[in-house]
Amino acid sequence: MKKNLIETAVSTQSILDTAYSLRGQVQQGEFYRFAEWLTNYTNVDYISTFDIKNAIREDSGDFEDDTQVSRALDTCCDVFVTSDKKLRKRYDGKYELLQFLSPEEFVCKLKGEPIPSQT
């Protein structure tokens, strides 16, 4: 990762999943403000037919995760940030060019500090 250069991406599916998960927990206007901010400051990418077919071939038992990972690989992401421990365990070390980190680990990486799980 180059210092002082961060490009972020989120899938349309992640935004939809977040909206669904937050129903009844936050007011609609509050979510809309968040979604507006997110779309202003990050790249929003769609899950493609290619990603769906890759997920079918991967057949790990978690189709949604597999489509997200396929999208990250297809768009040449360096880091996949997730708090899903099962996803990180399943994919850790599987792809040379894609690192799977928790949000906390990612912040350590940005600060140039040792990543706790890797020390």
PDB file of N, CA and C in Angstrom:
ATOM      1  N   MET A   1       0.848  -1.164   0.000  1.00  0.00           N
ATOM      2  CA  MET A   1       0.000   0.000   0.000  1.00  0.00           C
ATOM      3  C   MET A   1       0.900   1.236   0.000  1.00  0.00           C
ATOM      4  N   LYS A   2       0.648   2.157  -0.900  1.00  0.00           N
ATOM      5  CA  LYS A   2       1.433   3.379  -0.957  1.00  0.00           C
ATOM      6  C   LYS A   2       1.015   4.315   0.173  1.00  0.00           C
ATOM      7  N   LYS A   3       1.981   4.947   0.782  1.00  0.00           N
ATOM      8  CA  LYS A   3       1.690   5.891   1.861  1.00  0.00           C
ATOM      9  C   LYS A   3       0.914   7.085   1.304  1.00  0.00           C
ATOM     10  N   ASN A   4      -0.108   7.495   2.028  1.00  0.00           N
ATOM     11  CA  ASN A   4      -0.952   8.635   1.694  1.00  0.00           C
ATOM     12  C   ASN A   4      -1.782   8.448   0.429  1.00  0.00           C
ATOM     13  N   LEU A   5      -1.972   7.219   0.008  1.00  0.00           N
ATOM     14  CA  LEU A   5      -2.811   6.978  -1.151  1.00  0.00           C
ATOM     15  C   LEU A   5      -3.739   5.810  -0.841  1.00  0.00           C
ATOM     16  N   ILE A   6      -4.993   6.126  -0.607  1.00  0.00           N
ATOM     17  CA  ILE A   6      -5.982   5.098  -0.307  1.00  0.00           C
ATOM     18  C   ILE A   6      -7.140   5.268  -1.274  1.00  0.00           C
ATOM     19  N   GLU A   7      -7.486   4.189  -1.916  1.00  0.00           N
ATOM     20  CA  GLU A   7      -8.674   4.158  -2.758  1.00  0.00           C
ATOM     21  C   GLU A   7      -9.585   3.096  -2.170  1.00  0.00           C
ATOM     22  N   THR A   8     -10.801   3.471  -1.860  1.00  0.00           N
ATOM     23  CA  THR A   8     -11.726   2.529  -1.238  1.00  0.00           C
ATOM     24  C   THR A   8     -12.831   2.149  -2.210  1.00  0.00           C
ATOM     25  N   ALA A   9     -13.367   0.969  -1.982  1.00  0.00           N
ATOM     26  CA  ALA A   9     -14.469   0.491  -2.813  1.00  0.00           C
ATOM     27  C   ALA A   9     -15.447  -0.274  -1.940  1.00  0.00           C
ATOM     28  N   VAL A  10     -16.681  -0.238  -2.323  1.00  0.00           N
ATOM     29  CA  VAL A  10     -17.736  -0.991  -1.654  1.00  0.00           C
ATOM     30  C   VAL A  10     -18.666  -1.500  -2.749  1.00  0.00           C
ATOM     31  N   SER A  11     -19.216  -2.672  -2.542  1.00  0.00           N
ATOM     32  CA  SER A  11     -20.126  -3.202  -3.559  1.00  0.00           C
ATOM     33  C   SER A  11     -21.543  -2.691  -3.317  1.00  0.00           C
ATOM     34  N   THR A  12     -22.306  -2.655  -4.377  1.00  0.00           N
ATOM     35  CA  THR A  12     -23.711  -2.278  -4.246  1.00  0.00           C
ATOM     36  C   THR A  12     -24.400  -3.232  -3.272  1.00  0.00           C
ATOM     37  N   GLN A  13     -24.014  -4.500  -3.319  1.00  0.00           N
ATOM     38  CA  GLN A  13     -24.626  -5.486  -2.423  1.00  0.00           C
ATOM     39  C   GLN A  13     -24.367  -5.156  -0.967  1.00  0.00           C
ATOM     40  N   SER A  14     -23.163  -4.680  -0.648  1.00  0.00           N
ATOM     41  CA  SER A  14     -22.857  -4.309   0.735  1.00  0.00           C
ATOM     42  C   SER A  14     -23.731  -3.156   1.207  1.00  0.00           C
ATOM     43  N   ILE A  15     -23.977  -2.206   0.334  1.00  0.00           N
ATOM     44  CA  ILE A  15     -24.842  -1.075   0.702  1.00  0.00           C
ATOM     45  C   ILE A  15     -26.267  -1.567   0.927  1.00  0.00           C
ATOM     46  N   LEU A  16     -26.749  -2.441   0.057  1.00  0.00           N
ATOM     47  CA  LEU A  16     -28.103  -2.982   0.216  1.00  0.00           C
ATOM     48  C   LEU A  16     -28.214  -3.823   1.485  1.00  0.00           C
ATOM     49  N   ASP A  17     -27.195  -4.645   1.765  1.00  0.00           N
ATOM     50  CA  ASP A  17     -27.195  -5.460   2.985  1.00  0.00           C
ATOM     51  C   ASP A  17     -27.203  -4.583   4.233  1.00  0.00           C
ATOM     52  N   THR A  18     -26.447  -3.490   4.192  1.00  0.00           N
ATOM     53  CA  THR A  18     -26.409  -2.559   5.323  1.00  0.00           C
ATOM     54  C   THR A  18     -27.776  -1.926   5.532  1.00  0.00           C
ATOM     55  N   ALA A  19     -28.400  -1.509   4.455  1.00  0.00           N
ATOM     56  CA  ALA A  19     -29.739  -0.916   4.549  1.00  0.00           C
ATOM     57  C   ALA A  19     -30.713  -1.913   5.167  1.00  0.00           C
ATOM     58  N   TYR A  20     -30.655  -3.148   4.729  1.00  0.00           N
ATOM     59  CA  TYR A  20     -31.551  -4.187   5.245  1.00  0.00           C
ATOM     60  C   TYR A  20     -31.280  -4.435   6.731  1.00  0.00           C
ATOM     61  N   SER A  21     -30.008  -4.534   7.098  1.00  0.00           N
ATOM     62  CA  SER A  21     -29.628  -4.825   8.489  1.00  0.00           C
ATOM     63  C   SER A  21     -30.026  -3.706   9.447  1.00  0.00           C
ATOM     64  N   LEU A  22     -30.022  -2.473   8.967  1.00  0.00           N
ATOM     65  CA  LEU A  22     -30.299  -1.324   9.828  1.00  0.00           C
ATOM     66  C   LEU A  22     -31.772  -0.936   9.890  1.00  0.00           C
ATOM     67  N   ARG A  23     -32.612  -1.630   9.116  1.00  0.00           N
ATOM     68  CA  ARG A  23     -34.051  -1.323   9.142  1.00  0.00           C
ATOM     69  C   ARG A  23     -34.572  -1.367  10.565  1.00  0.00           C
ATOM     70  N   GLY A  24     -35.257  -0.323  10.962  1.00  0.00           N
ATOM     71  CA  GLY A  24     -35.828  -0.262  12.293  1.00  0.00           C
ATOM     72  C   GLY A  24     -34.832   0.148  13.373  1.00  0.00           C
ATOM     73  N   GLN A  25     -33.539   0.184  13.056  1.00  0.00           N
ATOM     74  CA  GLN A  25     -32.527   0.574  14.040  1.00  0.00           C
ATOM     75  C   GLN A  25     -32.099   2.026  13.886  1.00  0.00           C
ATOM     76  N   VAL A  26     -32.137   2.525  12.676  1.00  0.00           N
ATOM     77  CA  VAL A  26     -31.833   3.930  12.422  1.00  0.00           C
ATOM     78  C   VAL A  26     -32.941   4.493  11.533  1.00  0.00           C
ATOM     79  N   GLN A  27     -33.122   5.792  11.621  1.00  0.00           N
ATOM     80  CA  GLN A  27     -34.147   6.407  10.786  1.00  0.00           C
ATOM     81  C   GLN A  27     -33.688   6.404   9.333  1.00  0.00           C
ATOM     82  N   GLN A  28     -34.638   6.308   8.437  1.00  0.00           N
ATOM     83  CA  GLN A  28     -34.344   6.233   7.010  1.00  0.00           C
ATOM     84  C   GLN A  28     -33.482   7.396   6.548  1.00  0.00           C
ATOM     85  N   GLY A  29     -33.788   8.609   7.007  1.00  0.00           N
ATOM     86  CA  GLY A  29     -33.014   9.781   6.618  1.00  0.00           C
ATOM     87  C   GLY A  29     -31.560   9.671   7.047  1.00  0.00           C
ATOM     88  N   GLU A  30     -31.334   9.099   8.224  1.00  0.00           N
ATOM     89  CA  GLU A  30     -29.968   8.919   8.718  1.00  0.00           C
ATOM     90  C   GLU A  30     -29.202   7.951   7.821  1.00  0.00           C
ATOM     91  N   PHE A  31     -29.853   6.860   7.421  1.00  0.00           N
ATOM     92  CA  PHE A  31     -29.190   5.926   6.505  1.00  0.00           C
ATOM     93  C   PHE A  31     -28.928   6.589   5.157  1.00  0.00           C
ATOM     94  N   TYR A  32     -29.888   7.356   4.660  1.00  0.00           N
ATOM     95  CA  TYR A  32     -29.699   8.035   3.370  1.00  0.00           C
ATOM     96  C   TYR A  32     -28.507   8.982   3.412  1.00  0.00           C
ATOM     97  N   ARG A  33     -28.348   9.706   4.531  1.00  0.00           N
ATOM     98  CA  ARG A  33     -27.188  10.596   4.662  1.00  0.00           C
ATOM     99  C   ARG A  33     -25.885   9.788   4.630  1.00  0.00           C
ATOM    100  N   PHE A  34     -25.880   8.647   5.310  1.00  0.00           N
ATOM    101  CA  PHE A  34     -24.700   7.778   5.289  1.00  0.00           C
ATOM    102  C   PHE A  34     -24.436   7.264   3.872  1.00  0.00           C
ATOM    103  N   ALA A  35     -25.465   6.792   3.198  1.00  0.00           N
ATOM    104  CA  ALA A  35     -25.305   6.260   1.835  1.00  0.00           C
ATOM    105  C   ALA A  35     -24.822   7.356   0.884  1.00  0.00           C
ATOM    106  N   GLU A  36     -25.329   8.563   1.052  1.00  0.00           N
ATOM    107  CA  GLU A  36     -24.894   9.692   0.223  1.00  0.00           C
ATOM    108  C   GLU A  36     -23.417   9.977   0.469  1.00  0.00           C
ATOM    109  N   TRP A  37     -23.015  10.029   1.747  1.00  0.00           N
ATOM    110  CA  TRP A  37     -21.607  10.252   2.089  1.00  0.00           C
ATOM    111  C   TRP A  37     -20.743   9.140   1.486  1.00  0.00           C
ATOM    112  N   LEU A  38     -21.171   7.906   1.656  1.00  0.00           N
ATOM    113  CA  LEU A  38     -20.404   6.763   1.161  1.00  0.00           C
ATOM    114  C   LEU A  38     -20.208   6.835  -0.351  1.00  0.00           C
ATOM    115  N   THR A  39     -21.255   7.166  -1.065  1.00  0.00           N
ATOM    116  CA  THR A  39     -21.145   7.217  -2.528  1.00  0.00           C
ATOM    117  C   THR A  39     -20.342   8.422  -2.997  1.00  0.00           C
ATOM    118  N   ASN A  40     -20.209   9.437  -2.157  1.00  0.00           N
ATOM    119  CA  ASN A  40     -19.373  10.589  -2.505  1.00  0.00           C
ATOM    120  C   ASN A  40     -17.888  10.316  -2.298  1.00  0.00           C
ATOM    121  N   TYR A  41     -17.559   9.435  -1.347  1.00  0.00           N
ATOM    122  CA  TYR A  41     -16.162   9.264  -0.955  1.00  0.00           C
ATOM    123  C   TYR A  41     -15.570   7.883  -1.221  1.00  0.00           C
ATOM    124  N   THR A  42     -16.309   7.010  -1.829  1.00  0.00           N
ATOM    125  CA  THR A  42     -15.773   5.681  -2.144  1.00  0.00           C
ATOM    126  C   THR A  42     -16.286   5.240  -3.504  1.00  0.00           C
ATOM    127  N   ASN A  43     -15.565   4.338  -4.112  1.00  0.00           N
ATOM    128  CA  ASN A  43     -16.009   3.773  -5.382  1.00  0.00           C
ATOM    129  C   ASN A  43     -17.061   2.710  -5.097  1.00  0.00           C
ATOM    130  N   VAL A  44     -18.176   2.800  -5.766  1.00  0.00           N
ATOM    131  CA  VAL A  44     -19.228   1.805  -5.607  1.00  0.00           C
ATOM    132  C   VAL A  44     -19.196   0.925  -6.853  1.00  0.00           C
ATOM    133  N   ASP A  45     -19.057  -0.364  -6.621  1.00  0.00           N
ATOM    134  CA  ASP A  45     -18.938  -1.311  -7.722  1.00  0.00           C
ATOM    135  C   ASP A  45     -20.036  -2.366  -7.601  1.00  0.00           C
ATOM    136  N   TYR A  46     -20.432  -2.907  -8.705  1.00  0.00           N
ATOM    137  CA  TYR A  46     -21.514  -3.886  -8.729  1.00  0.00           C
ATOM    138  C   TYR A  46     -20.947  -5.310  -8.752  1.00  0.00           C
ATOM    139  N   ILE A  47     -21.756  -6.238  -8.262  1.00  0.00           N
ATOM    140  CA  ILE A  47     -21.428  -7.653  -8.366  1.00  0.00           C
ATOM    141  C   ILE A  47     -21.837  -8.077  -9.778  1.00  0.00           C
ATOM    142  N   SER A  48     -20.886  -8.616 -10.525  1.00  0.00           N
ATOM    143  CA  SER A  48     -21.136  -8.933 -11.928  1.00  0.00           C
ATOM    144  C   SER A  48     -21.486 -10.408 -12.129  1.00  0.00           C
ATOM    145  N   THR A  49     -21.906 -10.722 -13.334  1.00  0.00           N
ATOM    146  CA  THR A  49     -22.145 -12.112 -13.709  1.00  0.00           C
ATOM    147  C   THR A  49     -20.875 -12.930 -13.515  1.00  0.00           C
ATOM    148  N   PHE A  50     -19.736 -12.347 -13.860  1.00  0.00           N
ATOM    149  CA  PHE A  50     -18.436 -12.989 -13.667  1.00  0.00           C
ATOM    150  C   PHE A  50     -18.241 -13.388 -12.202  1.00  0.00           C
ATOM    151  N   ASP A  51     -18.566 -12.471 -11.274  1.00  0.00           N
ATOM    152  CA  ASP A  51     -18.407 -12.737  -9.842  1.00  0.00           C
ATOM    153  C   ASP A  51     -19.345 -13.839  -9.374  1.00  0.00           C
ATOM    154  N   ILE A  52     -20.551 -13.832  -9.871  1.00  0.00           N
ATOM    155  CA  ILE A  52     -21.521 -14.868  -9.502  1.00  0.00           C
ATOM    156  C   ILE A  52     -21.031 -16.234  -9.972  1.00  0.00           C
ATOM    157  N   LYS A  53     -20.536 -16.296 -11.196  1.00  0.00           N
ATOM    158  CA  LYS A  53     -20.027 -17.579 -11.715  1.00  0.00           C
ATOM    159  C   LYS A  53     -18.794 -18.034 -10.932  1.00  0.00           C
ATOM    160  N   ASN A  54     -17.927 -17.096 -10.556  1.00  0.00           N
ATOM    161  CA  ASN A  54     -16.765 -17.447  -9.723  1.00  0.00           C
ATOM    162  C   ASN A  54     -17.211 -17.991  -8.372  1.00  0.00           C
ATOM    163  N   ALA A  55     -18.226 -17.379  -7.790  1.00  0.00           N
ATOM    164  CA  ALA A  55     -18.732 -17.831  -6.496  1.00  0.00           C
ATOM    165  C   ALA A  55     -19.307 -19.240  -6.593  1.00  0.00           C
ATOM    166  N   ILE A  56     -19.974 -19.528  -7.681  1.00  0.00           N
ATOM    167  CA  ILE A  56     -20.510 -20.876  -7.891  1.00  0.00           C
ATOM    168  C   ILE A  56     -19.364 -21.874  -7.971  1.00  0.00           C
ATOM    169  N   ARG A  57     -18.310 -21.537  -8.694  1.00  0.00           N
ATOM    170  CA  ARG A  57     -17.143 -22.423  -8.807  1.00  0.00           C
ATOM    171  C   ARG A  57     -16.416 -22.569  -7.471  1.00  0.00           C
ATOM    172  N   GLU A  58     -16.348 -21.489  -6.703  1.00  0.00           N
ATOM    173  CA  GLU A  58     -15.658 -21.521  -5.395  1.00  0.00           C
ATOM    174  C   GLU A  58     -16.351 -22.493  -4.450  1.00  0.00           C
ATOM    175  N   ASP A  59     -17.684 -22.420  -4.419  1.00  0.00           N
ATOM    176  CA  ASP A  59     -18.509 -23.351  -3.647  1.00  0.00           C
ATOM    177  C   ASP A  59     -18.004 -23.562  -2.220  1.00  0.00           C
ATOM    178  N   SER A  60     -17.746 -22.474  -1.500  1.00  0.00           N
ATOM    179  CA  SER A  60     -17.223 -22.575  -0.132  1.00  0.00           C
ATOM    180  C   SER A  60     -18.324 -22.751   0.902  1.00  0.00           C
ATOM    181  N   GLY A  61     -19.553 -22.580   0.481  1.00  0.00           N
ATOM    182  CA  GLY A  61     -20.657 -22.647   1.429  1.00  0.00           C
ATOM    183  C   GLY A  61     -21.185 -21.276   1.806  1.00  0.00           C
ATOM    184  N   ASP A  62     -20.509 -20.220   1.371  1.00  0.00           N
ATOM    185  CA  ASP A  62     -20.993 -18.861   1.640  1.00  0.00           C
ATOM    186  C   ASP A  62     -20.962 -18.072   0.333  1.00  0.00           C
ATOM    187  N   PHE A  63     -22.032 -18.199  -0.416  1.00  0.00           N
ATOM    188  CA  PHE A  63     -22.132 -17.619  -1.748  1.00  0.00           C
ATOM    189  C   PHE A  63     -21.920 -16.110  -1.743  1.00  0.00           C
ATOM    190  N   GLU A  64     -22.529 -15.414  -0.780  1.00  0.00           N
ATOM    191  CA  GLU A  64     -22.412 -13.949  -0.733  1.00  0.00           C
ATOM    192  C   GLU A  64     -20.959 -13.532  -0.520  1.00  0.00           C
ATOM    193  N   ASP A  65     -20.272 -14.171   0.420  1.00  0.00           N
ATOM    194  CA  ASP A  65     -18.856 -13.858   0.645  1.00  0.00           C
ATOM    195  C   ASP A  65     -18.036 -14.122  -0.611  1.00  0.00           C
ATOM    196  N   ASP A  66     -18.300 -15.240  -1.248  1.00  0.00           N
ATOM    197  CA  ASP A  66     -17.530 -15.609  -2.445  1.00  0.00           C
ATOM    198  C   ASP A  66     -17.708 -14.598  -3.569  1.00  0.00           C
ATOM    199  N   THR A  67     -18.917 -14.035  -3.712  1.00  0.00           N
ATOM    200  CA  THR A  67     -19.119 -13.018  -4.759  1.00  0.00           C
ATOM    201  C   THR A  67     -18.352 -11.746  -4.407  1.00  0.00           C
ATOM    202  N   GLN A  68     -18.340 -11.375  -3.125  1.00  0.00           N
ATOM    203  CA  GLN A  68     -17.617 -10.171  -2.700  1.00  0.00           C
ATOM    204  C   GLN A  68     -16.108 -10.338  -2.917  1.00  0.00           C
ATOM    205  N   VAL A  69     -15.582 -11.509  -2.577  1.00  0.00           N
ATOM    206  CA  VAL A  69     -14.151 -11.768  -2.760  1.00  0.00           C
ATOM    207  C   VAL A  69     -13.809 -11.774  -4.251  1.00  0.00           C
ATOM    208  N   SER A  70     -14.652 -12.368  -5.070  1.00  0.00           N
ATOM    209  CA  SER A  70     -14.422 -12.368  -6.516  1.00  0.00           C
ATOM    210  C   SER A  70     -14.356 -10.945  -7.045  1.00  0.00           C
ATOM    211  N   ARG A  71     -15.265 -10.077  -6.567  1.00  0.00           N
ATOM    212  CA  ARG A  71     -15.265  -8.681  -7.009  1.00  0.00           C
ATOM    213  C   ARG A  71     -13.961  -8.002  -6.601  1.00  0.00           C
ATOM    214  N   ALA A  72     -13.506  -8.253  -5.377  1.00  0.00           N
ATOM    215  CA  ALA A  72     -12.262  -7.648  -4.893  1.00  0.00           C
ATOM    216  C   ALA A  72     -11.077  -8.112  -5.745  1.00  0.00           C
ATOM    217  N   LEU A  73     -11.047  -9.382  -6.070  1.00  0.00           N
ATOM    218  CA  LEU A  73      -9.954  -9.907  -6.898  1.00  0.00           C
ATOM    219  C   LEU A  73     -10.009  -9.323  -8.306  1.00  0.00           C
ATOM    220  N   ASP A  74     -11.200  -9.264  -8.870  1.00  0.00           N
ATOM    221  CA  ASP A  74     -11.362  -8.777 -10.241  1.00  0.00           C
ATOM    222  C   ASP A  74     -10.990  -7.301 -10.367  1.00  0.00           C
ATOM    223  N   THR A  75     -11.157  -6.538  -9.296  1.00  0.00           N
ATOM    224  CA  THR A  75     -10.830  -5.108  -9.345  1.00  0.00           C
ATOM    225  C   THR A  75      -9.451  -4.812  -8.754  1.00  0.00           C
ATOM    226  N   CYS A  76      -8.675  -5.874  -8.516  1.00  0.00           N
ATOM    227  CA  CYS A  76      -7.282  -5.757  -8.062  1.00  0.00           C
ATOM    228  C   CYS A  76      -7.138  -5.037  -6.719  1.00  0.00           C
ATOM    229  N   CYS A  77      -8.032  -5.322  -5.785  1.00  0.00           N
ATOM    230  CA  CYS A  77      -7.903  -4.764  -4.439  1.00  0.00           C
ATOM    231  C   CYS A  77      -6.669  -5.347  -3.765  1.00  0.00           C
ATOM    232  N   ASP A  78      -6.044  -4.553  -2.931  1.00  0.00           N
ATOM    233  CA  ASP A  78      -4.898  -5.012  -2.138  1.00  0.00           C
ATOM    234  C   ASP A  78      -5.344  -5.602  -0.813  1.00  0.00           C
ATOM    235  N   VAL A  79      -6.402  -5.014  -0.240  1.00  0.00           N
ATOM    236  CA  VAL A  79      -6.857  -5.404   1.091  1.00  0.00           C
ATOM    237  C   VAL A  79      -8.380  -5.539   1.081  1.00  0.00           C
ATOM    238  N   PHE A  80      -8.866  -6.588   1.708  1.00  0.00           N
ATOM    239  CA  PHE A  80     -10.297  -6.825   1.897  1.00  0.00           C
ATOM    240  C   PHE A  80     -10.546  -6.657   3.388  1.00  0.00           C
ATOM    241  N   VAL A  81     -11.248  -5.597   3.771  1.00  0.00           N
ATOM    242  CA  VAL A  81     -11.486  -5.313   5.187  1.00  0.00           C
ATOM    243  C   VAL A  81     -12.850  -5.863   5.575  1.00  0.00           C
ATOM    244  N   THR A  82     -12.852  -6.724   6.599  1.00  0.00           N
ATOM    245  CA  THR A  82     -14.101  -7.327   7.063  1.00  0.00           C
ATOM    246  C   THR A  82     -13.975  -7.731   8.526  1.00  0.00           C
ATOM    247  N   SER A  83     -15.075  -7.668   9.225  1.00  0.00           N
ATOM    248  CA  SER A  83     -15.082  -8.153  10.607  1.00  0.00           C
ATOM    249  C   SER A  83     -15.567  -9.601  10.668  1.00  0.00           C
ATOM    250  N   ASP A  84     -15.828 -10.203   9.527  1.00  0.00           N
ATOM    251  CA  ASP A  84     -16.279 -11.592   9.440  1.00  0.00           C
ATOM    252  C   ASP A  84     -15.084 -12.531   9.635  1.00  0.00           C
ATOM    253  N   LYS A  85     -14.952 -13.074  10.834  1.00  0.00           N
ATOM    254  CA  LYS A  85     -13.808 -13.934  11.160  1.00  0.00           C
ATOM    255  C   LYS A  85     -13.792 -15.206  10.319  1.00  0.00           C
ATOM    256  N   LYS A  86     -14.963 -15.752  10.024  1.00  0.00           N
ATOM    257  CA  LYS A  86     -15.023 -16.975   9.208  1.00  0.00           C
ATOM    258  C   LYS A  86     -14.509 -16.714   7.798  1.00  0.00           C
ATOM    259  N   LEU A  87     -14.887 -15.574   7.237  1.00  0.00           N
ATOM    260  CA  LEU A  87     -14.410 -15.217   5.901  1.00  0.00           C
ATOM    261  C   LEU A  87     -12.893 -15.069   5.915  1.00  0.00           C
ATOM    262  N   ARG A  88     -12.379 -14.339   6.903  1.00  0.00           N
ATOM    263  CA  ARG A  88     -10.923 -14.136   6.965  1.00  0.00           C
ATOM    264  C   ARG A  88     -10.195 -15.470   7.126  1.00  0.00           C
ATOM    265  N   LYS A  89     -10.707 -16.341   7.944  1.00  0.00           N
ATOM    266  CA  LYS A  89     -10.058 -17.644   8.152  1.00  0.00           C
ATOM    267  C   LYS A  89     -10.097 -18.484   6.866  1.00  0.00           C
ATOM    268  N   ARG A  90     -11.244 -18.469   6.196  1.00  0.00           N
ATOM    269  CA  ARG A  90     -11.420 -19.273   4.975  1.00  0.00           C
ATOM    270  C   ARG A  90     -10.484 -18.812   3.853  1.00  0.00           C
ATOM    271  N   TYR A  91     -10.264 -17.505   3.753  1.00  0.00           N
ATOM    272  CA  TYR A  91      -9.486 -16.975   2.631  1.00  0.00           C
ATOM    273  C   TYR A  91      -8.055 -16.588   2.983  1.00  0.00           C
ATOM    274  N   ASP A  92      -7.711 -16.571   4.265  1.00  0.00           N
ATOM    275  CA  ASP A  92      -6.382 -16.127   4.678  1.00  0.00           C
ATOM    276  C   ASP A  92      -5.285 -16.920   3.966  1.00  0.00           C
ATOM    277  N   GLY A  93      -4.434 -16.214   3.246  1.00  0.00           N
ATOM    278  CA  GLY A  93      -3.316 -16.837   2.551  1.00  0.00           C
ATOM    279  C   GLY A  93      -3.672 -17.500   1.231  1.00  0.00           C
ATOM    280  N   LYS A  94      -4.939 -17.492   0.850  1.00  0.00           N
ATOM    281  CA  LYS A  94      -5.351 -18.172  -0.387  1.00  0.00           C
ATOM    282  C   LYS A  94      -4.908 -17.411  -1.641  1.00  0.00           C
ATOM    283  N   TYR A  95      -4.918 -16.101  -1.544  1.00  0.00           N
ATOM    284  CA  TYR A  95      -4.555 -15.277  -2.693  1.00  0.00           C
ATOM    285  C   TYR A  95      -3.353 -14.419  -2.334  1.00  0.00           C
ATOM    286  N   GLU A  96      -2.309 -14.514  -3.113  1.00  0.00           N
ATOM    287  CA  GLU A  96      -1.064 -13.803  -2.836  1.00  0.00           C
ATOM    288  C   GLU A  96      -1.242 -12.285  -2.826  1.00  0.00           C
ATOM    289  N   LEU A  97      -2.072 -11.767  -3.706  1.00  0.00           N
ATOM    290  CA  LEU A  97      -2.174 -10.321  -3.862  1.00  0.00           C
ATOM    291  C   LEU A  97      -3.329  -9.679  -3.099  1.00  0.00           C
ATOM    292  N   LEU A  98      -4.084 -10.455  -2.342  1.00  0.00           N
ATOM    293  CA  LEU A  98      -5.221  -9.906  -1.607  1.00  0.00           C
ATOM    294  C   LEU A  98      -5.110 -10.320  -0.144  1.00  0.00           C
ATOM    295  N   GLN A  99      -4.998  -9.321   0.718  1.00  0.00           N
ATOM    296  CA  GLN A  99      -4.865  -9.548   2.149  1.00  0.00           C
ATOM    297  C   GLN A  99      -6.222  -9.323   2.809  1.00  0.00           C
ATOM    298  N   PHE A 100      -6.585 -10.190   3.745  1.00  0.00           N
ATOM    299  CA  PHE A 100      -7.856 -10.089   4.461  1.00  0.00           C
ATOM    300  C   PHE A 100      -7.572  -9.603   5.878  1.00  0.00           C
ATOM    301  N   LEU A 101      -8.118  -8.426   6.222  1.00  0.00           N
ATOM    302  CA  LEU A 101      -7.846  -7.814   7.516  1.00  0.00           C
ATOM    303  C   LEU A 101      -9.133  -7.375   8.205  1.00  0.00           C
ATOM    304  N   SER A 102      -9.106  -7.392   9.544  1.00  0.00           N
ATOM    305  CA  SER A 102     -10.199  -6.799  10.320  1.00  0.00           C
ATOM    306  C   SER A 102     -10.046  -5.279  10.231  1.00  0.00           C
ATOM    307  N   PRO A 103     -11.078  -4.533  10.581  1.00  0.00           N
ATOM    308  CA  PRO A 103     -10.931  -3.067  10.593  1.00  0.00           C
ATOM    309  C   PRO A 103      -9.772  -2.616  11.485  1.00  0.00           C
ATOM    310  N   GLU A 104      -9.603  -3.246  12.638  1.00  0.00           N
ATOM    311  CA  GLU A 104      -8.527  -2.880  13.552  1.00  0.00           C
ATOM    312  C   GLU A 104      -7.153  -3.159  12.926  1.00  0.00           C
ATOM    313  N   GLU A 105      -7.020  -4.304  12.279  1.00  0.00           N
ATOM    314  CA  GLU A 105      -5.761  -4.651  11.617  1.00  0.00           C
ATOM    315  C   GLU A 105      -5.459  -3.670  10.488  1.00  0.00           C
ATOM    316  N   PHE A 106      -6.498  -3.255   9.767  1.00  0.00           N
ATOM    317  CA  PHE A 106      -6.321  -2.320   8.665  1.00  0.00           C
ATOM    318  C   PHE A 106      -5.807  -0.974   9.176  1.00  0.00           C
ATOM    319  N   VAL A 107      -6.358  -0.500  10.295  1.00  0.00           N
ATOM    320  CA  VAL A 107      -5.897   0.763  10.878  1.00  0.00           C
ATOM    321  C   VAL A 107      -4.425   0.646  11.267  1.00  0.00           C
ATOM    322  N   CYS A 108      -4.028  -0.482  11.853  1.00  0.00           N
ATOM    323  CA  CYS A 108      -2.608  -0.693  12.188  1.00  0.00           C
ATOM    324  C   CYS A 108      -1.751  -0.620  10.937  1.00  0.00           C
ATOM    325  N   LYS A 109      -2.218  -1.241   9.863  1.00  0.00           N
ATOM    326  CA  LYS A 109      -1.470  -1.226   8.602  1.00  0.00           C
ATOM    327  C   LYS A 109      -1.309   0.203   8.094  1.00  0.00           C
ATOM    328  N   LEU A 110      -2.385   0.984   8.176  1.00  0.00           N
ATOM    329  CA  LEU A 110      -2.330   2.380   7.725  1.00  0.00           C
ATOM    330  C   LEU A 110      -1.336   3.194   8.542  1.00  0.00           C
ATOM    331  N   LYS A 111      -1.259   2.907   9.826  1.00  0.00           N
ATOM    332  CA  LYS A 111      -0.360   3.633  10.725  1.00  0.00           C
ATOM    333  C   LYS A 111       1.076   3.124  10.641  1.00  0.00           C
ATOM    334  N   GLY A 112       1.279   2.029   9.921  1.00  0.00           N
ATOM    335  CA  GLY A 112       2.623   1.452   9.838  1.00  0.00           C
ATOM    336  C   GLY A 112       3.006   0.666  11.074  1.00  0.00           C
ATOM    337  N   GLU A 113       2.002   0.310  11.881  1.00  0.00           N
ATOM    338  CA  GLU A 113       2.243  -0.465  13.097  1.00  0.00           C
ATOM    339  C   GLU A 113       2.136  -1.968  12.781  1.00  0.00           C
ATOM    340  N   PRO A 114       2.751  -2.809  13.619  1.00  0.00           N
ATOM    341  CA  PRO A 114       2.604  -4.252  13.406  1.00  0.00           C
ATOM    342  C   PRO A 114       1.141  -4.654  13.515  1.00  0.00           C
ATOM    343  N   ILE A 115       0.724  -5.550  12.657  1.00  0.00           N
ATOM    344  CA  ILE A 115      -0.649  -6.054  12.697  1.00  0.00           C
ATOM    345  C   ILE A 115      -0.679  -7.163  13.749  1.00  0.00           C
ATOM    346  N   PRO A 116      -1.496  -6.998  14.809  1.00  0.00           N
ATOM    347  CA  PRO A 116      -1.500  -7.933  15.925  1.00  0.00           C
ATOM    348  C   PRO A 116      -1.604  -9.403  15.534  1.00  0.00           C
ATOM    349  N   SER A 117      -2.443  -9.722  14.570  1.00  0.00           N
ATOM    350  CA  SER A 117      -2.643 -11.124  14.183  1.00  0.00           C
ATOM    351  C   SER A 117      -1.433 -11.693  13.424  1.00  0.00           C
ATOM    352  N   GLN A 118      -0.524 -10.824  13.008  1.00  0.00           N
ATOM    353  CA  GLN A 118       0.612 -11.274  12.213  1.00  0.00           C
ATOM    354  C   GLN A 118       1.939 -11.149  12.964  1.00  0.00           C
ATOM    355  N   THR A 119       1.865 -10.912  14.292  1.00  0.00           N
ATOM    356  CA  THR A 119       3.102 -10.792  15.072  1.00  0.00           C
ATOM    357  C   THR A 119       3.290 -11.998  15.955  1.00  0.00           C
TER     358      THR A 119
END
